[in-house]
Amino acid sequence: MKKVLKIVLILAVILLVLGIAAFHYIKSMMPSGDGNNDIVEGYYKRFHSNAPLEMKYSQLGAYETAYTEFPSANGSIGKVRVWYPRNWKTAQKPGR
């Protein structure tokens, strides 16, 4: 009985070590390498998709943008970022 318990314990430790190693590997593969998946500068230059519509909207648009941040009530989100055209107040609106 002691032998079976010892084998089960060794397998549990091995699985725990492998799980921790897999977690650290996946975390290191995130864009910033520290598990923070903020948008990486120039991400659109390396992005590729076979879907034409996705390619169109993954690239920079015709307008310069600005953004603002708001704190989120959800701790896992942290903050919400909203991008908008930099000159949205002075831009010509369609039909005017």
Protein backbone atom coordinates (compact mmCIF):
# COMPACT_ATOMS: atom_id res chain seq x y z
CA MET A 1 0.00 0.00 0.00
CA LYS A 2 2.86 2.35 0.83
CA LYS A 3 4.40 1.65 -2.56
CA VAL A 4 1.19 2.63 -4.42
CA LEU A 5 0.87 5.81 -2.35
CA LYS A 6 4.49 6.70 -3.09
CA ILE A 7 3.95 6.21 -6.86
CA VAL A 8 0.76 8.32 -6.81
CA LEU A 9 2.57 11.08 -4.89
CA ILE A 10 5.49 11.07 -7.35
CA LEU A 11 3.09 11.28 -10.31
CA ALA A 12 1.23 14.18 -8.65
CA VAL A 13 4.49 16.08 -8.14
CA ILE A 14 5.53 15.45 -11.75
CA LEU A 15 2.16 16.69 -13.02
CA LEU A 16 2.41 19.79 -10.81
CA VAL A 17 5.90 20.60 -12.11
CA LEU A 18 4.79 20.09 -15.72
CA GLY A 19 1.74 22.30 -15.14
CA ILE A 20 3.87 25.10 -13.71
CA ALA A 21 6.32 24.82 -16.60
CA ALA A 22 3.48 24.93 -19.15
CA PHE A 23 2.01 28.00 -17.42
CA HIS A 24 5.34 29.86 -17.55
CA TYR A 25 5.87 28.90 -21.18
CA ILE A 26 2.42 30.14 -22.21
CA LYS A 27 2.92 33.32 -20.17
CA SER A 28 6.26 33.98 -21.89
CA MET A 29 4.59 33.67 -25.30
CA MET A 30 2.27 36.62 -24.58
CA PRO A 31 3.04 39.79 -26.59
CA SER A 32 5.00 41.60 -23.87
CA GLY A 33 6.50 38.42 -22.45
CA ASP A 34 5.30 39.13 -18.93
CA GLY A 35 1.74 37.87 -19.29
CA ASN A 36 0.41 41.35 -20.02
CA ASN A 37 -1.41 41.16 -23.34
CA ASP A 38 -1.53 44.88 -24.11
CA ILE A 39 -1.46 45.77 -27.78
CA VAL A 40 2.13 45.67 -29.03
CA GLU A 41 3.42 48.62 -31.03
CA GLY A 42 3.26 47.84 -34.75
CA TYR A 43 1.24 44.63 -34.33
CA TYR A 44 -0.62 45.34 -37.58
CA LYS A 45 2.63 45.10 -39.60
CA ARG A 46 3.06 41.42 -38.67
CA PHE A 47 -0.62 40.47 -38.73
CA HIS A 48 -1.80 38.27 -41.59
CA SER A 49 -5.14 36.69 -42.38
CA ASN A 50 -6.59 34.98 -45.44
CA ALA A 51 -9.83 36.91 -44.88
CA PRO A 52 -9.72 40.17 -46.92
CA LEU A 53 -12.12 42.00 -44.62
CA GLU A 54 -10.07 41.10 -41.55
CA MET A 55 -6.89 42.28 -43.28
CA LYS A 56 -8.56 45.58 -44.22
CA TYR A 57 -9.61 46.39 -40.66
CA SER A 58 -6.45 45.14 -38.99
CA GLN A 59 -4.34 47.84 -40.69
CA LEU A 60 -4.08 51.53 -39.93
CA GLY A 61 -6.94 53.68 -41.18
CA ALA A 62 -6.97 57.09 -42.84
CA TYR A 63 -7.37 59.04 -39.58
CA GLU A 64 -4.92 59.70 -36.76
CA THR A 65 -6.29 58.36 -33.50
CA ALA A 66 -6.27 59.21 -29.82
CA TYR A 67 -7.53 57.18 -26.88
CA THR A 68 -8.70 57.50 -23.34
CA GLU A 69 -8.70 55.04 -20.47
CA PHE A 70 -11.34 54.26 -17.86
CA PRO A 71 -10.95 52.04 -14.81
CA SER A 72 -12.99 48.85 -14.97
CA ALA A 73 -15.11 47.51 -12.14
CA ASN A 74 -13.89 44.06 -13.22
CA GLY A 75 -10.45 43.49 -11.68
CA SER A 76 -9.41 41.00 -14.37
CA ILE A 77 -9.89 43.70 -17.03
CA GLY A 78 -8.11 46.48 -15.13
CA LYS A 79 -8.82 49.35 -17.49
CA VAL A 80 -10.89 49.94 -20.61
CA ARG A 81 -9.29 51.79 -23.53
CA VAL A 82 -11.37 53.60 -26.14
CA TRP A 83 -9.79 54.75 -29.42
CA TYR A 84 -11.37 57.49 -31.52
CA PRO A 85 -10.37 59.83 -34.38
CA ARG A 86 -8.09 62.54 -32.97
CA ASN A 87 -10.01 65.34 -34.65
CA TRP A 88 -13.50 63.91 -34.09
CA LYS A 89 -14.88 67.24 -32.81
CA THR A 90 -13.76 69.19 -35.87
CA ALA A 91 -14.18 66.48 -38.52
CA GLN A 92 -16.78 66.95 -41.25
CA LYS A 93 -19.80 64.80 -40.60
CA PRO A 94 -21.32 62.95 -43.59
CA GLY A 95 -24.12 64.88 -45.32
CA ARG A 96 -23.05 68.31 -44.12
